[in-house]
Amino acid sequence: MLDKPILRAEIIEAGYPGYFQIRNIRIDVEPGELLVVTGRSGSGKTTLIKTLLGIINLSQGYYKGKIEFLGKDLKKHSPREIYSKISYIPQDPWYAIIGHIVYVEYCHALSIAGKKCEPKKLAEYGLGDHIEHITYGLSAGQYQKLLWAESFDRETKLVVMDEPLVYLDTSSKNYFGKLVAKHLDKGGSVIIVDHMPETWKSLQPKLLVLNNGEQAYCGPYREDVVPRPEKPVFDKTYSSKKEEELVIAKNIFFSYPGTCDILKGVNLMIRKGEILGIKGVNGAGKTTLLKIIAGIYKPRKGVVIRNGYPIYVPENPLLYFSYPTPYEELYSASRDPMRAVKEAEKYGLKRVLKNPLAVLSTGEKRRLALLAAYLSGYDIYLLDEPSGGLDTYSLNNLLEILFDLKRKGKGIIIASHDPRLDEYYDRICFLHEGRLECH
């Protein structure tokens, strides 16, 4: 064990000039220690992580203060030193992949770290059937699995992960939780940003709570310091009728070029005023099915009947936007500047209305995409991981939007691994081995 902390930081100020800053944060991360960082959406968690890693300047940010890694000023470490000793999994995993094929990406990461690459090890991470798969076609959960594989097989001293479980199915979450415990037992350290810090409670973590950019608490895990709102009650007044079908999908088959069918005779129907949840393991085809219903993909066989206009909101919210700032996005959706500002205030986005999208947190981007879709007045809402990276407050904002759409007779289909949403679905469908079963 080392005498000094693996990481020590005294951050006076860090952030983006003219926009958001974090201030007065002091932390130590010891060998074998897990630090869990939590706080409301937009409180500075990702800004803190980028500062600790010394990469905030790459996105036009700055920091004032002192950061030591292994007892040495972070700025004095070469990029190769840092890469060989720190692994980082960002909240948006698709931005961290550069290889065009899964095994190429994996082996490239290990080779730079001077590690021997054995592609067959990817099977341990649930990627055994995707070793020669192009990375572009992976699901978000599979991206996360690939980055987990690279991070832990490089055997770095410090692993830093920003919302690392968002896109993983339940069995994968359990498996990767064990990997964290194993890494800690070996004397490695881990920093995890998570809106559900209770996930890691059994590992006896140190907890850091951020509030509006400042350190509200840092110490042993305590449930009472985690910010949580009261559970809301929603009006479910809309009553659907059998003849009010909005979407009817019949006998849907679909395959990507050079692959077997991922969907095999899927049938699905959703009525007005219904919230339907779709669940399934990573790579089961949930996103593919949403895109087929939206008309983005054409099925190889089968038909989709839509009695209204659909909108697909992807798991990567940046793919939804057409304008450079939240205000322009909301104004375009509502065509009413007063309503755009009013709704932004209601859903906690007023302070970032004029900010470039690039400096928004992932949670803010996701809320913005959902709000813009809501204001556009579509009939069928197809939402891919809409609660990913959202704290409980922001989750309540999402639920308010969903139940307002429900009352207006809209149809909502959600693909998600988030168990917090399960109780709000009218029906849940499970996608397994290409077939859909609904309850």
Foldseek 3Di string as FASTA:
>chain_A
DDPAFQKWWAWAWKAAPPAAIFHGDTDGHHFLAEEEEEEAFPLCPVRVVCVQLVNRVVLRMDTDTFMDGSNHTNVPDDPLRSLLAEAEQELQLVVVFDDQALQVRLCVLLVSNVHDDDLCCLVVLVCNVRRGPTPVPFDSQVSLSSSLSSGVRSLHQEYEYELSCFAFADVNLVSVLVSSNVSSVVRGYYYYYDLPCVSNVVSFHWYFYGDNNYTPDTGTDDPVVRDADDDDDFDLPDDWDPVQWFKWWFQFWADDPPDHTLAGGETDIWGFLFEEEEEEGGPSCLVVVLCCQQVNDPTPDTDMDGPWHEDEQEPQLVVQDDDFFLQVLQCVQQVDSVVSLVLCVVLVNNSRRPPGPSRGGSLSSLLSSLNSVLNNDTQEYEYESSCRPHHNSNVVVSVVSSSVSSNVGGHYYYYGSDPVCVVVGPKYWYRDSNYIDID
